[in-house]
């Protein structure tokens, strides 16, 4: 009796843009005075990624979500910091912003020509699309 697993991805949907507040790409403190602030030029290659409970490959996930889920993507941005008074300090945190797509992972066991019950789990894929910049001033 021949048995094999049939699996497929369905119901791909865009969740939106997300960043991980506990994982800054960059964080630093700057002491005032900085009357004109300063300009940052950011340019990084940041990896996309995916999660799959049923063991789909990066190639299979990429084909379904519409982007390469296993490679680096170059992102860049210029931004200006706030001006900082002499009695203040500035904390700058920069986060990678990801576009997130979720999908259903489906599978069943085919055994001797009989289809078993279908199991469904949730998977996701994300790719970098830019930066989130947070600036917070504190009194020295």
N, C-alpha and C. Protein backbone atom coordinates (compact mmCIF):
# COMPACT_ATOMS: atom_id res chain seq x y z
N UNK A 1 0.85 -1.18 0.00
CA UNK A 1 0.00 0.00 0.00
C UNK A 1 0.89 1.24 0.00
N UNK A 2 0.65 2.11 -0.95
CA UNK A 2 1.43 3.33 -1.08
C UNK A 2 0.80 4.44 -0.26
N UNK A 3 1.64 5.13 0.52
CA UNK A 3 1.18 6.29 1.31
C UNK A 3 2.07 7.49 1.00
N UNK A 4 1.48 8.64 0.94
CA UNK A 4 2.24 9.87 0.73
C UNK A 4 1.44 11.05 1.29
N UNK A 5 2.17 12.12 1.57
CA UNK A 5 1.54 13.33 2.11
C UNK A 5 1.34 14.33 0.97
N UNK A 6 0.15 14.87 0.90
CA UNK A 6 -0.17 15.92 -0.06
C UNK A 6 -0.23 17.22 0.73
N UNK A 7 0.50 18.25 0.29
CA UNK A 7 0.46 19.53 1.00
C UNK A 7 0.43 20.68 0.01
N UNK A 8 -0.18 21.81 0.45
CA UNK A 8 -0.30 22.99 -0.38
C UNK A 8 -0.51 24.22 0.48
N UNK A 9 -0.23 25.36 -0.12
CA UNK A 9 -0.42 26.65 0.54
C UNK A 9 -1.65 27.31 -0.07
N UNK A 10 -2.47 27.92 0.78
CA UNK A 10 -3.67 28.61 0.28
C UNK A 10 -3.93 29.86 1.12
N UNK A 11 -4.89 30.64 0.67
CA UNK A 11 -5.39 31.80 1.43
C UNK A 11 -4.27 32.77 1.83
N UNK A 12 -3.42 33.13 0.88
CA UNK A 12 -2.35 34.09 1.15
C UNK A 12 -2.97 35.47 1.31
N UNK A 13 -2.61 36.15 2.39
CA UNK A 13 -3.18 37.48 2.65
C UNK A 13 -2.14 38.39 3.26
N UNK A 14 -2.26 39.66 2.96
CA UNK A 14 -1.34 40.66 3.52
C UNK A 14 -1.86 41.09 4.87
N UNK A 15 -1.02 40.98 5.88
CA UNK A 15 -1.37 41.40 7.24
C UNK A 15 -1.09 42.89 7.40
N UNK A 16 -0.01 43.36 6.79
CA UNK A 16 0.37 44.76 6.88
C UNK A 16 1.84 44.89 7.21
N UNK A 17 2.24 46.11 7.58
CA UNK A 17 3.63 46.37 7.94
C UNK A 17 3.80 46.21 9.45
N UNK A 18 4.92 45.61 9.85
CA UNK A 18 5.20 45.36 11.26
C UNK A 18 6.68 45.61 11.53
N UNK A 19 6.97 46.00 12.77
CA UNK A 19 8.37 46.02 13.21
C UNK A 19 8.41 45.43 14.61
N UNK A 20 9.60 45.03 15.04
CA UNK A 20 9.76 44.36 16.32
C UNK A 20 10.44 45.32 17.28
N UNK A 21 9.65 45.87 18.20
CA UNK A 21 10.11 46.94 19.09
C UNK A 21 11.25 46.51 20.00
N UNK A 22 11.41 45.23 20.23
CA UNK A 22 12.50 44.76 21.09
C UNK A 22 13.76 44.42 20.30
N UNK A 23 13.76 44.69 18.99
CA UNK A 23 14.91 44.35 18.15
C UNK A 23 15.33 45.53 17.27
N UNK A 24 15.84 46.61 17.88
CA UNK A 24 16.27 47.73 17.04
C UNK A 24 17.49 47.35 16.20
N UNK A 25 17.51 47.86 14.99
CA UNK A 25 18.67 47.69 14.11
C UNK A 25 19.81 48.57 14.59
N UNK A 26 19.43 49.70 15.21
CA UNK A 26 20.41 50.69 15.68
C UNK A 26 19.79 51.44 16.85
N UNK A 27 20.60 51.75 17.86
CA UNK A 27 20.14 52.56 18.99
C UNK A 27 21.34 53.34 19.52
N UNK A 28 21.14 54.66 19.77
CA UNK A 28 22.24 55.47 20.28
C UNK A 28 21.69 56.69 21.00
N UNK A 29 22.54 57.28 21.83
CA UNK A 29 22.22 58.49 22.60
C UNK A 29 23.09 59.63 22.10
N UNK A 30 22.50 60.84 22.05
CA UNK A 30 23.23 62.04 21.64
C UNK A 30 22.94 63.15 22.64
N UNK A 31 24.01 63.79 23.10
CA UNK A 31 23.89 64.87 24.08
C UNK A 31 23.66 66.20 23.38
N UNK A 32 22.76 67.02 23.94
CA UNK A 32 22.58 68.38 23.44
C UNK A 32 23.72 69.25 23.91
N UNK A 33 23.98 70.37 23.32
CA UNK A 33 23.10 70.97 22.33
C UNK A 33 23.38 70.49 20.91
N UNK A 34 22.31 70.26 20.19
CA UNK A 34 22.35 69.98 18.76
C UNK A 34 21.27 70.86 18.12
N UNK A 35 21.56 72.15 17.95
CA UNK A 35 20.52 73.09 17.52
C UNK A 35 19.92 72.77 16.15
N UNK A 36 20.69 72.15 15.28
CA UNK A 36 20.18 71.83 13.95
C UNK A 36 19.93 70.34 13.75
N UNK A 37 20.13 69.55 14.81
CA UNK A 37 20.04 68.10 14.62
C UNK A 37 21.11 67.64 13.66
N UNK A 38 20.93 66.52 13.05
CA UNK A 38 21.85 66.04 12.01
C UNK A 38 21.11 65.04 11.14
N UNK A 39 21.71 64.74 10.01
CA UNK A 39 21.06 63.86 9.03
C UNK A 39 21.70 62.48 9.06
N UNK A 40 20.86 61.46 9.08
CA UNK A 40 21.27 60.07 8.95
C UNK A 40 21.01 59.62 7.53
N UNK A 41 21.93 58.85 6.99
CA UNK A 41 21.69 58.15 5.74
C UNK A 41 21.80 56.67 6.06
N UNK A 42 20.70 55.97 5.89
CA UNK A 42 20.65 54.55 6.21
C UNK A 42 20.60 53.74 4.93
N UNK A 43 21.39 52.69 4.89
CA UNK A 43 21.36 51.77 3.76
C UNK A 43 21.85 50.42 4.27
N UNK A 44 20.98 49.45 4.23
CA UNK A 44 21.31 48.12 4.73
C UNK A 44 20.72 47.05 3.81
N UNK A 45 21.31 45.89 3.87
CA UNK A 45 20.69 44.71 3.28
C UNK A 45 20.14 43.91 4.46
N UNK A 46 18.83 43.73 4.46
CA UNK A 46 18.14 43.04 5.55
C UNK A 46 17.45 41.81 4.97
N UNK A 47 17.55 40.70 5.67
CA UNK A 47 16.98 39.45 5.18
C UNK A 47 15.48 39.38 5.35
N UNK A 48 14.84 38.79 4.36
CA UNK A 48 13.45 38.40 4.51
C UNK A 48 13.45 37.02 5.18
N UNK A 49 12.28 36.51 5.48
CA UNK A 49 12.21 35.21 6.13
C UNK A 49 10.80 34.65 6.09
N UNK A 50 10.64 33.46 6.64
CA UNK A 50 9.33 32.83 6.67
C UNK A 50 9.29 31.79 7.78
N UNK A 51 8.08 31.40 8.15
CA UNK A 51 7.91 30.30 9.09
C UNK A 51 6.90 29.33 8.49
N UNK A 52 7.18 28.04 8.65
CA UNK A 52 6.31 27.01 8.09
C UNK A 52 6.27 25.83 9.05
N UNK A 53 5.10 25.49 9.53
CA UNK A 53 4.95 24.36 10.44
C UNK A 53 4.98 23.02 9.71
N UNK A 54 4.65 23.03 8.42
CA UNK A 54 4.60 21.79 7.65
C UNK A 54 5.84 21.60 6.77
N UNK A 55 6.87 22.40 6.97
CA UNK A 55 8.14 22.19 6.29
C UNK A 55 8.19 22.61 4.83
N UNK A 56 7.40 23.62 4.46
CA UNK A 56 7.51 24.14 3.09
C UNK A 56 8.88 24.79 2.92
N UNK A 57 9.43 24.67 1.73
CA UNK A 57 10.74 25.25 1.44
C UNK A 57 10.59 26.75 1.16
N UNK A 58 11.71 27.46 1.20
CA UNK A 58 11.71 28.89 0.87
C UNK A 58 11.22 29.10 -0.56
N UNK A 59 11.59 28.21 -1.46
CA UNK A 59 11.16 28.33 -2.86
C UNK A 59 9.64 28.18 -2.98
N UNK A 60 9.07 27.23 -2.25
CA UNK A 60 7.62 27.03 -2.29
C UNK A 60 6.87 28.22 -1.70
N UNK A 61 7.35 28.72 -0.56
CA UNK A 61 6.71 29.87 0.08
C UNK A 61 6.85 31.10 -0.81
N UNK A 62 8.04 31.34 -1.35
CA UNK A 62 8.28 32.51 -2.21
C UNK A 62 7.33 32.52 -3.40
N UNK A 63 7.12 31.38 -4.01
CA UNK A 63 6.23 31.30 -5.18
C UNK A 63 4.80 31.70 -4.82
N UNK A 64 4.39 31.45 -3.60
CA UNK A 64 3.01 31.75 -3.20
C UNK A 64 2.83 33.18 -2.67
N UNK A 65 3.83 33.71 -1.97
CA UNK A 65 3.66 35.04 -1.35
C UNK A 65 4.06 36.19 -2.27
N UNK A 66 4.77 35.89 -3.35
CA UNK A 66 5.08 36.93 -4.32
C UNK A 66 6.39 37.66 -4.10
N UNK A 67 7.24 37.19 -3.22
CA UNK A 67 8.58 37.75 -3.05
C UNK A 67 9.51 36.65 -2.56
N UNK A 68 10.81 36.87 -2.72
CA UNK A 68 11.80 35.89 -2.28
C UNK A 68 11.89 35.93 -0.76
N UNK A 69 11.46 34.85 -0.14
CA UNK A 69 11.38 34.79 1.33
C UNK A 69 12.67 34.29 1.98
N UNK A 70 13.76 34.27 1.22
CA UNK A 70 15.00 33.76 1.83
C UNK A 70 16.24 34.53 1.39
N UNK A 71 16.09 35.78 1.04
CA UNK A 71 17.25 36.53 0.58
C UNK A 71 17.26 37.92 1.20
N UNK A 72 18.36 38.60 1.05
CA UNK A 72 18.47 39.97 1.54
C UNK A 72 17.86 40.96 0.56
N UNK A 73 17.29 42.01 1.10
CA UNK A 73 16.72 43.09 0.30
C UNK A 73 17.36 44.39 0.77
N UNK A 74 17.79 45.22 -0.17
CA UNK A 74 18.40 46.49 0.20
C UNK A 74 17.31 47.52 0.49
N UNK A 75 17.44 48.19 1.63
CA UNK A 75 16.53 49.26 1.99
C UNK A 75 17.36 50.49 2.35
N UNK A 76 16.83 51.67 2.07
CA UNK A 76 17.57 52.89 2.38
C UNK A 76 16.60 54.01 2.72
N UNK A 77 17.12 54.99 3.48
CA UNK A 77 16.31 56.15 3.86
C UNK A 77 17.23 57.23 4.42
N UNK A 78 16.92 58.47 4.14
CA UNK A 78 17.57 59.61 4.78
C UNK A 78 16.56 60.21 5.75
N UNK A 79 17.02 60.61 6.93
CA UNK A 79 16.13 61.32 7.84
C UNK A 79 16.95 62.27 8.70
N UNK A 80 16.28 63.27 9.21
CA UNK A 80 16.91 64.30 10.02
C UNK A 80 16.44 64.14 11.46
N UNK A 81 17.38 64.26 12.40
CA UNK A 81 17.01 64.19 13.80
C UNK A 81 16.40 65.51 14.25
N UNK A 82 15.76 65.48 15.38
CA UNK A 82 15.23 66.69 16.00
C UNK A 82 16.38 67.55 16.51
N UNK A 83 16.13 68.83 16.70
CA UNK A 83 17.12 69.67 17.39
C UNK A 83 17.03 69.31 18.88
N UNK A 84 18.15 69.45 19.57
CA UNK A 84 18.22 69.04 20.98
C UNK A 84 18.80 70.20 21.79
N UNK A 85 18.07 70.63 22.82
CA UNK A 85 18.54 71.71 23.69
C UNK A 85 19.71 71.23 24.54
N UNK A 86 20.45 72.17 25.12
CA UNK A 86 21.65 71.82 25.89
C UNK A 86 21.33 71.03 27.16
N UNK A 87 20.13 71.12 27.68
CA UNK A 87 19.78 70.38 28.90
C UNK A 87 19.08 69.05 28.58
N UNK A 88 19.14 68.62 27.32
CA UNK A 88 18.47 67.39 26.90
C UNK A 88 19.46 66.42 26.26
N UNK A 89 19.03 65.19 26.17
CA UNK A 89 19.74 64.18 25.38
C UNK A 89 18.69 63.47 24.53
N UNK A 90 19.13 62.96 23.41
CA UNK A 90 18.25 62.35 22.42
C UNK A 90 18.57 60.88 22.27
N UNK A 91 17.54 60.06 22.36
CA UNK A 91 17.70 58.63 22.07
C UNK A 91 17.07 58.35 20.71
N UNK A 92 17.87 57.79 19.80
CA UNK A 92 17.39 57.44 18.46
C UNK A 92 17.43 55.92 18.35
N UNK A 93 16.29 55.34 17.96
CA UNK A 93 16.21 53.91 17.69
C UNK A 93 15.67 53.73 16.28
N UNK A 94 16.30 52.82 15.54
CA UNK A 94 15.90 52.54 14.17
C UNK A 94 15.55 51.06 14.07
N UNK A 95 14.39 50.80 13.52
CA UNK A 95 13.88 49.44 13.38
C UNK A 95 13.64 49.14 11.91
N UNK A 96 13.79 47.89 11.54
CA UNK A 96 13.42 47.47 10.19
C UNK A 96 11.90 47.28 10.16
N UNK A 97 11.27 47.81 9.14
CA UNK A 97 9.83 47.65 8.95
C UNK A 97 9.63 46.54 7.92
N UNK A 98 8.80 45.56 8.24
CA UNK A 98 8.57 44.41 7.38
C UNK A 98 7.14 44.39 6.86
N UNK A 99 6.97 44.03 5.61
CA UNK A 99 5.66 43.71 5.06
C UNK A 99 5.42 42.23 5.35
N UNK A 100 4.29 41.92 5.98
CA UNK A 100 4.03 40.55 6.43
C UNK A 100 2.85 39.96 5.66
N UNK A 101 3.05 38.75 5.15
CA UNK A 101 1.97 38.00 4.50
C UNK A 101 1.76 36.72 5.28
N UNK A 102 0.53 36.39 5.52
CA UNK A 102 0.17 35.16 6.22
C UNK A 102 -0.48 34.20 5.23
N UNK A 103 -0.41 32.92 5.50
CA UNK A 103 -1.01 31.93 4.60
C UNK A 103 -1.40 30.70 5.40
N UNK A 104 -2.29 29.91 4.80
CA UNK A 104 -2.68 28.63 5.39
C UNK A 104 -1.82 27.54 4.79
N UNK A 105 -1.34 26.65 5.65
CA UNK A 105 -0.62 25.46 5.23
C UNK A 105 -1.57 24.28 5.40
N UNK A 106 -1.75 23.50 4.37
CA UNK A 106 -2.69 22.39 4.39
C UNK A 106 -1.97 21.10 4.04
N UNK A 107 -2.42 20.00 4.64
CA UNK A 107 -1.85 18.70 4.26
C UNK A 107 -2.82 17.58 4.65
N UNK A 108 -2.66 16.47 3.94
CA UNK A 108 -3.38 15.25 4.31
C UNK A 108 -2.55 14.06 3.88
N UNK A 109 -2.82 12.92 4.48
CA UNK A 109 -2.15 11.66 4.16
C UNK A 109 -3.03 10.91 3.17
N UNK A 110 -2.43 10.53 2.05
CA UNK A 110 -3.10 9.70 1.05
C UNK A 110 -2.54 8.30 1.23
N UNK A 111 -3.39 7.34 1.55
CA UNK A 111 -2.91 5.99 1.81
C UNK A 111 -3.82 4.97 1.12
N UNK A 112 -3.23 4.22 0.20
CA UNK A 112 -3.99 3.19 -0.51
C UNK A 112 -5.18 3.75 -1.25
N UNK A 113 -5.05 4.96 -1.79
CA UNK A 113 -6.14 5.57 -2.53
C UNK A 113 -7.18 6.24 -1.66
N UNK A 114 -6.97 6.25 -0.33
CA UNK A 114 -7.91 6.87 0.60
C UNK A 114 -7.30 8.15 1.15
N UNK A 115 -8.05 9.22 1.03
CA UNK A 115 -7.59 10.53 1.53
C UNK A 115 -7.94 10.64 3.01
N UNK A 116 -6.93 10.97 3.81
CA UNK A 116 -7.15 11.19 5.24
C UNK A 116 -7.67 12.59 5.51
N UNK A 117 -7.89 12.92 6.77
CA UNK A 117 -8.38 14.25 7.11
C UNK A 117 -7.33 15.33 6.81
N UNK A 118 -7.80 16.51 6.42
CA UNK A 118 -6.91 17.63 6.13
C UNK A 118 -6.58 18.38 7.41
N UNK A 119 -5.31 18.65 7.61
CA UNK A 119 -4.84 19.49 8.72
C UNK A 119 -4.45 20.85 8.16
N UNK A 120 -4.74 21.91 8.90
CA UNK A 120 -4.39 23.26 8.47
C UNK A 120 -3.68 23.99 9.60
N UNK A 121 -2.58 24.64 9.27
CA UNK A 121 -1.84 25.48 10.20
C UNK A 121 -1.61 26.84 9.53
N UNK A 122 -1.11 27.79 10.29
CA UNK A 122 -0.84 29.12 9.76
C UNK A 122 0.67 29.32 9.59
N UNK A 123 1.06 29.86 8.46
CA UNK A 123 2.45 30.22 8.21
C UNK A 123 2.54 31.70 7.88
N UNK A 124 3.75 32.22 7.83
CA UNK A 124 3.92 33.63 7.48
C UNK A 124 5.26 33.86 6.79
N UNK A 125 5.31 34.96 6.06
CA UNK A 125 6.55 35.38 5.39
C UNK A 125 6.64 36.89 5.53
N UNK A 126 7.87 37.41 5.61
CA UNK A 126 8.06 38.84 5.79
C UNK A 126 9.26 39.29 4.98
N UNK A 127 9.17 40.53 4.48
CA UNK A 127 10.29 41.12 3.74
C UNK A 127 10.46 42.56 4.20
N UNK A 128 11.69 43.03 4.26
CA UNK A 128 11.93 44.41 4.70
C UNK A 128 11.45 45.40 3.64
N UNK A 129 10.79 46.46 4.10
CA UNK A 129 10.29 47.48 3.18
C UNK A 129 10.75 48.88 3.55
N UNK A 130 11.43 49.03 4.68
CA UNK A 130 11.89 50.36 5.08
C UNK A 130 12.28 50.38 6.55
N UNK A 131 12.31 51.57 7.09
CA UNK A 131 12.72 51.76 8.48
C UNK A 131 11.63 52.48 9.27
N UNK A 132 11.59 52.21 10.54
CA UNK A 132 10.83 52.99 11.51
C UNK A 132 11.87 53.70 12.37
N UNK A 133 11.76 55.02 12.49
CA UNK A 133 12.71 55.80 13.29
C UNK A 133 11.97 56.38 14.48
N UNK A 134 12.47 56.10 15.68
CA UNK A 134 11.90 56.65 16.90
C UNK A 134 12.92 57.58 17.53
N UNK A 135 12.46 58.78 17.92
CA UNK A 135 13.30 59.75 18.59
C UNK A 135 12.61 60.16 19.87
N UNK A 136 13.35 60.10 20.97
CA UNK A 136 12.77 60.49 22.26
C UNK A 136 13.80 61.34 23.00
N UNK A 137 13.36 62.51 23.49
CA UNK A 137 14.26 63.40 24.23
C UNK A 137 14.02 63.22 25.74
N UNK A 138 15.11 63.31 26.48
CA UNK A 138 15.07 63.19 27.93
C UNK A 138 15.87 64.34 28.54
N UNK A 139 15.50 64.74 29.74
CA UNK A 139 16.28 65.74 30.46
C UNK A 139 17.53 65.10 31.01
N UNK A 140 18.66 65.81 30.89
CA UNK A 140 19.95 65.28 31.39
C UNK A 140 19.91 65.19 32.90
